[in-house]
Structures are given as C-alpha cells and as structure tokens.
Amino acid sequence: MTSTITATATGPAQATTLGNGRFFKNQTFHFETLRATGYVTAGGAEIGEVLETVKTVEEGNVQSWYRAWSAAADRVSALAGHTRDRKSKGNAHLRAYNYERFAEFLLPPEDPKRPVSWEKSTASFDQALETLGVACERIAVPYGGASLRTLYVPGPQGADEKPLIVLVGGFDSTLEELYLVLGRAAGDRGYSVLMYEGPGQGEALRKYGLTFTHEWERPTRAVLDEFLRTHAEPAKTVIVGMSMGGYFAPRAAAFDERFDGLVAFDTCFDFAGAAGSIAARAADPMAMKNPDNAWAFHNARWTLGIRDLDEFRKAAAPYTLAPVAYRIRQDVLILCGAEDQFIPFHQTADFEKALVNARSVTTRIFDPPSGGANHCQAGNLSLLHATVFDWLLDKFPEVARA
C-alpha cells in the first residue's frame, strides 16, 4: 500500500537577515544557517545567537564563516562555564558543540583548523550530555581493523515496548548531530535510540581514514551485531537514514531482515544521479570559485577517498538503490522536500516504484509554505518529528501504543 501526503503550514516566517527570506545570497551559506536554526527544537541553537553570528560573516568567505561560528561557540561555552543551573548549563554546552561543528563545516578537508575544531565540538557535546544527566552508553564497534562510534541512549521505563530507533547520517553527518536531529526528540517520546557512524563519517573518517562504502549493510550489520551481543533484542527495530542516509539506511534494510521499518529522510535513491551536477561544476575552474561547488566536490573527495573527477564518477556509480530495492520488505516511510537542492525531485517517485515488495510505502512531501521544502526539512525539524513518530504509532501500534 502506498500513500502520499503533502504537508502545509501557515504562520509568520522566521526572521532573516535579508528581505527575501534568506540569510545569504550564497546557497550553501544560507542552507547551513537554516540547518543551524533547525536545532533550536532540540536545544542546539538559539535564533538570536544564530542571527548575531551570521551578521559578522562575509558572504562566500569560508574563513570568515569559521571565525564567526567559532567565536559564537567560545562565547556560549564561556556562558556555560559560569551558569549554575544545570539544565541551562548543559544546553549552553550543547549549543557550543553545534556552533563549533558549523565553524569547521565549510573548511577544506586539509585545513589544520579542522582537527582542533572537531575536538572542541565533541568535547562540548560530551559535557552537555554529562551536565544534562543524559543516560547513555558509547559502544566501540570493531570494523575493518578500526572502530565505529555508536551512542546508545536508552529510553525510560517501558521503552522496550517501543521500536528501537537505529539512526545514521549521510554525506557530511557526525554522530553528535544525529542526537540533535532525532535522538533527543526520540528520548523525549520514550524511545531508545542507537546512533552510529559508518565509514566516511565522523571519527571513522578523521581518525582511521575509512571512506564510504556502497555496501552499507556491512557497517550496519557490525553495529547491530555488537549491540545485540550485550543487549536484549528489541521487540521491533526501525532504521532511519538522514540525507545520503536515504541511500545508506535502505541499502542496509535490503540485506538485514532484523529491521522491521525503514525511514529515508530524505530520498537518496541514486547518489550518482545527484552527484552528476557536482562533477559537472567541478570541471569548470570558474564554477569552483563558488563555495557551493567547492565544498561539495572537496567533501566528496574526502569522504569517497578520490583524487579527481574521473575517480569521483567511478566511485559514485555504485551508490544506487535500483538493483536492491526489490529486497526491501519492511514498512517504508519516505520524506521529501519539494525544493530539495541536492536530490532531484523525481528520485522520490523512482524509489516508490522500485519498492515492489515493501510491506507498505508512505511518502511525505513538504511544500514551501510548510517550511520543510528544503533538504531534510532544514529549519523545521518539528515536521520531521511529527511525521516520523506518527508513522511509528501507525505502523507499530502493538508496540508503540503498548
């Protein structure tokens, strides 16, 4: 059964620094600022701090971007240092983490400031969880002679009657960001969450040099096997993939029947199809002066472990769900922003058509008035939360409503 719903919303727009509803003219600078504001919902940002930060950013200058966001992180970290109320203190550490993460985000992979900024951001995140008293368990998963980071946040009493949510990021995600995206919201609703990084992400990339694999079932299986070695098997398990995780999670679910449900947040049916525009622009020296193009190609070079355009095209080619989608037999939820600037809109319909054996397929398309038309509903994560948790209640009533 397939159902498609278009979400709409009314109400005043958020304040912006430009009169046309944008923070910056440059798409990457605008989108990443919008992404930062979205974490207000999870306590990872404050709109006033974000607005004051971007005021000092020179349009299109990634070093200016770094300086502004790093200064914001230092300011909020200092605030945390002299705040006595534990919840306020913990939330300040969480915001400091997020701002420092955004500081390093647009820097070239080889920039020497990146490792230092990474350490600062993860330290702030750890301080946040400790101060807030978040019960959690870090599990180091052996993988290919290296280790994958996971963070397990068990829900309150009764959480074992709900599906375990397994959460993975995408093209530029880290473990800590996943907590802001869905982890904290899931805990607030009584779910247990297992968040993890695979090759090409976070520490696996930075410390061990592990780059992406299109066979994402391999790291996912390693994570789930290690988790179940010391924890009871959940009543139900749902895997959620963010951004390029819209490829990773379905690929993992296609090869692992232990998953009962699958959420692609957003569609990423064919990464190679989306990456074609990156390759085309990267071939133009003038186009590479635009931060949109430079960041996308250099991040691909880093995460895929490639050197040039020819290697990029070859490396991206296997990242398509077309050959394996028929293997997916779970209940599936697909999210899609009507104005997603990274994934061609037609890929949502392509994915739907390929899910010939899924138990059910539900697609949610977010239009511009809803505030969720951007990639991964950046700027309005409340739409993601409402959609995912309603879908869980609908598809797993014997578990989620117990």
Protein backbone atom coordinates (compact mmCIF):
# COMPACT_ATOMS: atom_id res chain seq x y z
CA MET A 1 0.00 0.00 0.00
CA THR A 2 1.35 3.43 -0.95
CA SER A 3 0.10 6.75 0.38
CA THR A 4 1.42 10.21 -0.44
CA ILE A 5 0.71 13.30 1.67
CA THR A 6 1.72 16.91 1.04
CA ALA A 7 2.31 18.83 4.28
CA THR A 8 1.33 22.50 4.50
CA ALA A 9 1.52 25.08 7.23
CA THR A 10 0.57 28.70 7.86
CA GLY A 11 2.03 31.31 10.14
CA PRO A 12 4.68 34.04 10.26
CA ALA A 13 8.06 33.41 8.66
CA GLN A 14 11.21 33.33 10.76
CA ALA A 15 13.30 36.48 10.95
CA THR A 16 16.09 36.66 8.39
CA THR A 17 18.99 38.95 7.60
CA LEU A 18 17.78 39.60 4.04
CA GLY A 19 14.42 40.88 2.92
CA ASN A 20 13.83 37.96 0.55
CA GLY A 21 13.61 35.27 3.24
CA ARG A 22 17.28 34.30 3.03
CA PHE A 23 20.24 34.58 5.38
CA PHE A 24 22.72 34.78 2.49
CA LYS A 25 22.61 35.06 -1.29
CA ASN A 26 25.01 32.11 -1.49
CA GLN A 27 23.03 28.86 -1.34
CA THR A 28 25.47 26.91 0.86
CA PHE A 29 25.82 29.70 3.41
CA HIS A 30 22.05 30.15 3.51
CA PHE A 31 21.24 26.45 3.78
CA GLU A 32 23.78 25.74 6.52
CA THR A 33 22.48 28.70 8.54
CA LEU A 34 18.95 27.39 8.09
CA ARG A 35 20.20 23.98 9.20
CA ALA A 36 21.67 25.55 12.33
CA THR A 37 18.42 27.28 13.24
CA GLY A 38 16.59 23.96 12.95
CA TYR A 39 18.37 22.71 16.03
CA VAL A 40 16.54 25.23 18.19
CA THR A 41 13.94 22.46 18.50
CA ALA A 42 16.49 20.16 20.21
CA GLY A 43 18.19 22.85 22.30
CA GLY A 44 21.20 23.01 19.95
CA ALA A 45 20.76 26.65 18.91
CA GLU A 46 19.06 29.92 19.76
CA ILE A 47 17.77 32.06 16.92
CA GLY A 48 19.19 35.26 18.40
CA GLU A 49 22.66 33.75 18.67
CA VAL A 50 22.46 32.48 15.10
CA LEU A 51 21.36 35.85 13.74
CA GLU A 52 24.10 37.71 15.59
CA THR A 53 26.67 35.21 14.34
CA VAL A 54 25.80 35.43 10.65
CA LYS A 55 25.83 39.23 10.78
CA THR A 56 29.60 39.03 11.02
CA VAL A 57 30.10 36.55 8.16
CA GLU A 58 31.46 37.86 4.87
CA GLU A 59 29.36 36.43 2.05
CA GLY A 60 31.08 33.46 0.41
CA ASN A 61 34.19 33.58 2.63
CA VAL A 62 34.63 30.21 4.37
CA GLN A 63 37.36 31.53 6.71
CA SER A 64 35.04 34.33 7.80
CA TRP A 65 32.35 31.71 8.36
CA TYR A 66 34.75 29.72 10.53
CA ARG A 67 35.78 32.73 12.63
CA ALA A 68 32.19 33.81 13.27
CA TRP A 69 30.86 30.42 14.31
CA SER A 70 33.93 29.52 16.37
CA ALA A 71 33.64 32.82 18.22
CA ALA A 72 29.97 32.06 18.88
CA ALA A 73 30.92 28.65 20.26
CA ASP A 74 33.54 30.19 22.55
CA ARG A 75 31.05 32.79 23.77
CA VAL A 76 28.38 30.21 24.61
CA SER A 77 30.96 27.86 26.14
CA ALA A 78 32.01 30.69 28.45
CA LEU A 79 28.35 31.21 29.31
CA ALA A 80 28.09 27.54 30.24
CA GLY A 81 31.17 27.91 32.44
CA HIS A 82 29.59 30.47 34.76
CA THR A 83 26.00 29.20 34.65
CA ARG A 84 24.90 27.41 37.83
CA ASP A 85 21.55 25.96 36.75
CA ARG A 86 22.40 22.51 35.41
CA LYS A 87 19.84 22.41 32.60
CA SER A 88 20.79 25.86 31.35
CA LYS A 89 24.46 24.95 31.66
CA GLY A 90 24.00 21.70 29.75
CA ASN A 91 22.01 23.34 26.98
CA ALA A 92 24.72 26.01 26.60
CA HIS A 93 27.32 23.25 26.15
CA LEU A 94 25.03 21.68 23.54
CA ARG A 95 24.79 24.95 21.62
CA ALA A 96 28.56 25.43 21.88
CA TYR A 97 29.01 22.00 20.32
CA ASN A 98 26.68 22.84 17.45
CA TYR A 99 28.23 26.22 16.69
CA GLU A 100 31.76 24.79 16.69
CA ARG A 101 30.64 22.00 14.37
CA PHE A 102 29.32 24.60 11.94
CA ALA A 103 32.57 26.52 12.27
CA GLU A 104 34.66 23.70 10.78
CA PHE A 105 31.98 22.50 8.40
CA LEU A 106 32.92 24.54 5.32
CA LEU A 107 36.69 24.45 5.76
CA PRO A 108 38.71 22.46 3.22
CA PRO A 109 39.46 18.92 4.49
CA GLU A 110 43.18 19.70 4.75
CA ASP A 111 42.71 22.90 6.77
CA PRO A 112 44.72 22.49 10.02
CA LYS A 113 41.93 24.14 12.00
CA ARG A 114 39.57 21.25 11.34
CA PRO A 115 41.02 18.68 13.79
CA VAL A 116 41.20 21.27 16.58
CA SER A 117 37.66 22.44 15.93
CA TRP A 118 36.44 18.83 15.82
CA GLU A 119 37.96 18.13 19.24
CA LYS A 120 36.40 21.27 20.70
CA SER A 121 32.95 20.44 19.37
CA THR A 122 32.91 16.82 20.55
CA ALA A 123 34.22 17.85 23.98
CA SER A 124 31.36 20.35 24.31
CA PHE A 125 28.86 17.67 23.31
CA ASP A 126 30.20 15.25 25.93
CA GLN A 127 30.00 17.98 28.57
CA ALA A 128 26.42 18.68 27.51
CA LEU A 129 25.21 15.11 27.95
CA GLU A 130 27.05 14.74 31.26
CA THR A 131 25.67 18.01 32.62
CA LEU A 132 22.15 17.29 31.45
CA GLY A 133 22.32 13.85 33.06
CA VAL A 134 21.53 12.00 29.82
CA ALA A 135 21.90 8.28 30.44
CA CYS A 136 23.87 6.92 27.51
CA GLU A 137 26.34 4.25 26.51
CA ARG A 138 29.16 4.55 23.98
CA ILE A 139 29.93 1.32 22.15
CA ALA A 140 33.10 0.97 20.08
CA VAL A 141 32.31 -1.38 17.19
CA PRO A 142 35.25 -3.27 15.65
CA TYR A 143 35.26 -2.78 11.90
CA GLY A 144 37.96 -3.42 9.32
CA GLY A 145 40.82 -3.09 11.77
CA ALA A 146 39.37 0.19 13.03
CA SER A 147 36.40 1.19 15.16
CA LEU A 148 33.00 2.77 14.56
CA ARG A 149 31.47 5.12 17.11
CA THR A 150 27.97 4.49 18.41
CA LEU A 151 25.88 6.23 21.02
CA TYR A 152 23.05 4.32 22.67
CA VAL A 153 20.51 6.39 24.58
CA PRO A 154 18.06 4.05 26.33
CA GLY A 155 14.54 5.31 26.80
CA PRO A 156 12.67 5.44 30.12
CA GLN A 157 10.82 2.55 31.68
CA GLY A 158 8.57 0.98 29.04
CA ALA A 159 10.87 1.87 26.14
CA ASP A 160 11.41 -1.82 25.41
CA GLU A 161 7.77 -1.94 24.32
CA LYS A 162 8.53 0.57 21.57
CA PRO A 163 10.67 0.08 18.45
CA LEU A 164 14.39 0.67 18.84
CA ILE A 165 15.35 3.52 16.50
CA VAL A 166 18.68 3.00 14.71
CA LEU A 167 19.87 6.30 13.26
CA VAL A 168 22.58 7.04 10.70
CA GLY A 169 23.66 10.22 8.91
CA GLY A 170 24.85 10.92 5.41
CA PHE A 171 27.29 12.87 3.23
CA ASP A 172 28.52 15.19 5.97
CA SER A 173 26.97 13.96 9.22
CA THR A 174 28.52 13.15 12.58
CA LEU A 175 27.27 11.10 15.49
CA GLU A 176 26.65 14.17 17.65
CA GLU A 177 24.46 15.86 15.06
CA LEU A 178 22.18 12.83 14.99
CA TYR A 179 21.32 13.48 18.63
CA LEU A 180 20.05 16.95 17.68
CA VAL A 181 18.23 15.71 14.58
CA LEU A 182 16.18 12.92 16.17
CA GLY A 183 17.91 11.42 19.19
CA ARG A 184 16.76 13.90 21.80
CA ALA A 185 13.25 14.04 20.37
CA ALA A 186 13.00 10.23 20.43
CA GLY A 187 14.08 10.10 24.06
CA ASP A 188 11.50 12.74 24.97
CA ARG A 189 8.87 10.44 23.48
CA GLY A 190 10.02 7.34 25.31
CA TYR A 191 12.04 5.62 22.59
CA SER A 192 15.50 4.10 22.83
CA VAL A 193 17.91 5.27 20.12
CA LEU A 194 21.10 3.73 18.73
CA MET A 195 23.06 6.30 16.70
CA TYR A 196 26.15 5.33 14.74
CA GLU A 197 28.80 6.49 12.29
CA GLY A 198 29.97 4.40 9.37
CA PRO A 199 32.96 4.72 7.04
CA GLY A 200 33.28 8.22 5.59
CA GLN A 201 31.68 9.84 8.64
CA GLY A 202 32.92 11.48 11.82
CA GLU A 203 35.71 9.70 13.65
CA ALA A 204 35.86 6.79 11.20
CA LEU A 205 36.93 9.25 8.52
CA ARG A 206 39.02 11.61 10.61
CA LYS A 207 40.89 9.13 12.80
CA TYR A 208 41.03 5.96 10.73
CA GLY A 209 40.73 7.29 7.18
CA LEU A 210 37.78 5.00 6.41
CA THR A 211 35.87 6.22 3.37
CA PHE A 212 32.33 5.49 2.21
CA THR A 213 31.27 2.04 1.07
CA HIS A 214 28.22 1.45 -1.11
CA GLU A 215 27.77 -1.87 0.73
CA TRP A 216 26.35 -0.10 3.76
CA GLU A 217 24.89 -3.32 5.11
CA ARG A 218 28.41 -4.21 6.26
CA PRO A 219 28.98 -1.44 8.84
CA THR A 220 25.32 -1.54 9.86
CA ARG A 221 25.45 -5.28 10.47
CA ALA A 222 28.62 -4.85 12.53
CA VAL A 223 26.92 -2.18 14.66
CA LEU A 224 23.76 -4.21 15.24
CA ASP A 225 25.68 -7.42 15.94
CA GLU A 226 27.85 -5.69 18.54
CA PHE A 227 24.84 -4.03 20.16
CA LEU A 228 22.91 -7.31 20.41
CA ARG A 229 25.93 -9.05 21.88
CA THR A 230 25.34 -7.18 25.17
CA HIS A 231 21.70 -6.04 24.91
CA ALA A 232 18.37 -7.83 24.60
CA GLU A 233 16.88 -8.00 21.13
CA PRO A 234 14.25 -5.24 20.74
CA ALA A 235 10.62 -6.07 20.07
CA LYS A 236 10.91 -4.09 16.82
CA THR A 237 13.74 -2.21 15.13
CA VAL A 238 13.43 0.72 12.73
CA ILE A 239 16.37 2.19 10.81
CA VAL A 240 16.34 5.89 9.92
CA GLY A 241 18.78 7.43 7.43
CA MET A 242 19.40 11.18 7.10
CA SER A 243 20.39 12.87 3.83
CA MET A 244 22.71 10.42 2.00
CA GLY A 245 21.49 8.13 4.75
CA GLY A 246 18.44 7.95 2.49
CA TYR A 247 20.65 5.59 0.49
CA PHE A 248 22.55 4.03 3.41
CA ALA A 249 19.53 3.01 5.50
CA PRO A 250 17.56 1.40 2.65
CA ARG A 251 20.67 -0.42 1.48
CA ALA A 252 21.16 -1.82 4.99
CA ALA A 253 17.49 -2.77 5.33
CA ALA A 254 17.60 -4.60 1.99
CA PHE A 255 20.14 -7.04 3.42
CA ASP A 256 19.05 -7.31 7.06
CA GLU A 257 15.66 -8.73 8.00
CA ARG A 258 16.13 -7.68 11.60
CA PHE A 259 14.81 -4.26 10.61
CA ASP A 260 11.02 -4.02 10.76
CA GLY A 261 10.75 -0.46 9.46
CA LEU A 262 12.72 1.97 7.33
CA VAL A 263 12.72 5.77 7.12
CA ALA A 264 14.52 7.56 4.27
CA PHE A 265 14.98 11.13 5.45
CA ASP A 266 15.17 12.32 2.66
CA THR A 267 15.11 10.39 -0.59
CA CYS A 268 18.52 9.37 -1.95
CA PHE A 269 17.60 6.70 -4.48
CA ASP A 270 20.58 7.36 -6.74
CA PHE A 271 23.54 9.27 -5.32
CA ALA A 272 25.36 9.09 -8.65
CA GLY A 273 22.43 10.86 -10.30
CA ALA A 274 22.59 13.63 -7.73
CA ALA A 275 26.38 13.81 -7.87
CA GLY A 276 26.44 14.35 -11.63
CA SER A 277 25.83 18.07 -11.21
CA ILE A 278 28.68 18.29 -8.69
CA ALA A 279 31.06 16.69 -11.18
CA ALA A 280 29.92 18.97 -13.99
CA ARG A 281 30.54 22.11 -11.95
CA ALA A 282 33.83 20.81 -10.58
CA ALA A 283 35.12 20.59 -14.15
CA ASP A 284 34.74 24.38 -14.52
CA PRO A 285 37.51 26.38 -12.76
CA MET A 286 35.28 29.47 -12.57
CA ALA A 287 32.43 27.47 -11.04
CA MET A 288 34.80 26.11 -8.38
CA LYS A 289 35.22 29.64 -7.02
CA ASN A 290 31.66 29.34 -5.74
CA PRO A 291 31.61 27.83 -2.20
CA ASP A 292 28.61 25.68 -3.21
CA ASN A 293 30.65 23.80 -5.77
CA ALA A 294 33.99 23.83 -3.97
CA TRP A 295 32.58 22.44 -0.73
CA ALA A 296 30.54 19.70 -2.43
CA PHE A 297 33.44 18.40 -4.50
CA HIS A 298 36.07 18.62 -1.77
CA ASN A 299 33.79 16.84 0.70
CA ALA A 300 33.17 14.12 -1.90
CA ARG A 301 36.92 13.85 -2.46
CA TRP A 302 37.45 13.42 1.29
CA THR A 303 34.60 11.04 2.11
CA LEU A 304 34.92 8.87 -1.00
CA GLY A 305 38.72 8.82 -0.96
CA ILE A 306 39.10 10.01 -4.54
CA ARG A 307 41.57 12.39 -6.21
CA ASP A 308 39.95 13.71 -9.37
CA LEU A 309 36.76 13.91 -11.40
CA ASP A 310 37.23 10.60 -13.18
CA GLU A 311 37.63 8.80 -9.86
CA PHE A 312 34.63 10.70 -8.49
CA ARG A 313 32.35 9.50 -11.29
CA LYS A 314 33.51 5.91 -10.92
CA ALA A 315 33.26 5.96 -7.13
CA ALA A 316 29.73 7.41 -7.13
CA ALA A 317 28.29 4.97 -9.66
CA PRO A 318 27.53 2.02 -7.28
CA TYR A 319 25.52 4.20 -4.89
CA THR A 320 22.10 3.44 -6.32
CA LEU A 321 19.22 1.51 -4.81
CA ALA A 322 17.91 0.36 -8.19
CA PRO A 323 19.50 -3.13 -8.04
CA VAL A 324 18.48 -3.87 -4.42
CA ALA A 325 15.21 -2.05 -3.71
CA TYR A 326 13.20 -5.19 -4.52
CA ARG A 327 14.79 -6.82 -1.46
CA ILE A 328 13.24 -4.26 0.92
CA ARG A 329 10.27 -5.89 2.63
CA GLN A 330 9.79 -3.55 5.57
CA ASP A 331 7.27 -0.77 6.15
CA VAL A 332 8.86 2.27 4.49
CA LEU A 333 8.49 6.00 5.12
CA ILE A 334 9.99 8.36 2.52
CA LEU A 335 10.39 12.06 3.24
CA CYS A 336 10.93 14.62 0.51
CA GLY A 337 11.35 18.39 0.34
CA ALA A 338 9.68 19.86 -2.73
CA GLU A 339 12.63 22.24 -3.21
CA ASP A 340 15.46 19.88 -2.23
CA GLN A 341 18.55 21.40 -3.82
CA PHE A 342 20.65 18.22 -3.58
CA ILE A 343 18.40 15.35 -4.69
CA PRO A 344 16.35 15.55 -7.93
CA PHE A 345 12.66 15.51 -7.08
CA HIS A 346 11.92 12.59 -9.42
CA GLN A 347 14.02 10.26 -7.28
CA THR A 348 11.19 10.00 -4.76
CA ALA A 349 8.86 8.53 -7.38
CA ASP A 350 11.70 6.35 -8.66
CA PHE A 351 12.17 4.93 -5.16
CA GLU A 352 8.43 4.35 -4.68
CA LYS A 353 8.17 2.40 -7.94
CA ALA A 354 11.19 0.26 -7.06
CA LEU A 355 9.74 -0.83 -3.69
CA VAL A 356 7.75 -3.66 -5.21
CA ASN A 357 7.97 -5.95 -2.17
CA ALA A 358 7.75 -3.46 0.70
CA ARG A 359 5.04 -4.18 3.27
CA SER A 360 3.83 -0.59 2.91
CA VAL A 361 5.16 2.67 1.46
CA THR A 362 4.23 6.10 2.78
CA THR A 363 5.64 9.24 1.19
CA ARG A 364 5.51 12.68 2.79
CA ILE A 365 6.25 15.67 0.55
CA PHE A 366 6.82 19.03 2.25
CA ASP A 367 5.89 22.11 0.24
CA PRO A 368 7.33 25.63 0.69
CA PRO A 369 4.56 27.04 2.92
CA SER A 370 5.20 24.21 5.41
CA GLY A 371 8.74 25.44 5.99
CA GLY A 372 10.05 21.98 5.20
CA ALA A 373 10.70 22.14 1.46
CA ASN A 374 14.49 22.23 1.88
CA HIS A 375 16.73 19.18 2.00
CA CYS A 376 15.99 17.18 5.18
CA GLN A 377 13.42 19.78 6.24
CA ALA A 378 16.22 22.06 7.42
CA GLY A 379 14.86 24.84 9.57
CA ASN A 380 11.72 22.97 10.66
CA LEU A 381 12.58 19.68 12.30
CA SER A 382 9.23 19.66 14.08
CA LEU A 383 7.78 18.44 10.76
CA LEU A 384 10.23 15.53 10.74
CA HIS A 385 9.37 14.64 14.32
CA ALA A 386 5.61 14.79 13.84
CA THR A 387 5.80 12.71 10.67
CA VAL A 388 8.15 10.01 11.92
CA PHE A 389 6.56 9.50 15.31
CA ASP A 390 3.02 9.46 13.90
CA TRP A 391 4.16 6.88 11.35
CA LEU A 392 5.68 4.74 14.11
CA LEU A 393 2.40 4.84 16.00
CA ASP A 394 0.52 3.88 12.85
CA LYS A 395 2.76 1.05 11.67
CA PHE A 396 3.71 -0.47 15.03
CA PRO A 397 0.60 0.02 17.16
CA GLU A 398 1.04 -3.22 19.08
CA VAL A 399 4.46 -1.93 20.14
CA ALA A 400 4.38 1.86 20.19
CA ARG A 401 1.00 2.12 21.93
CA ALA A 402 1.57 -0.64 24.46
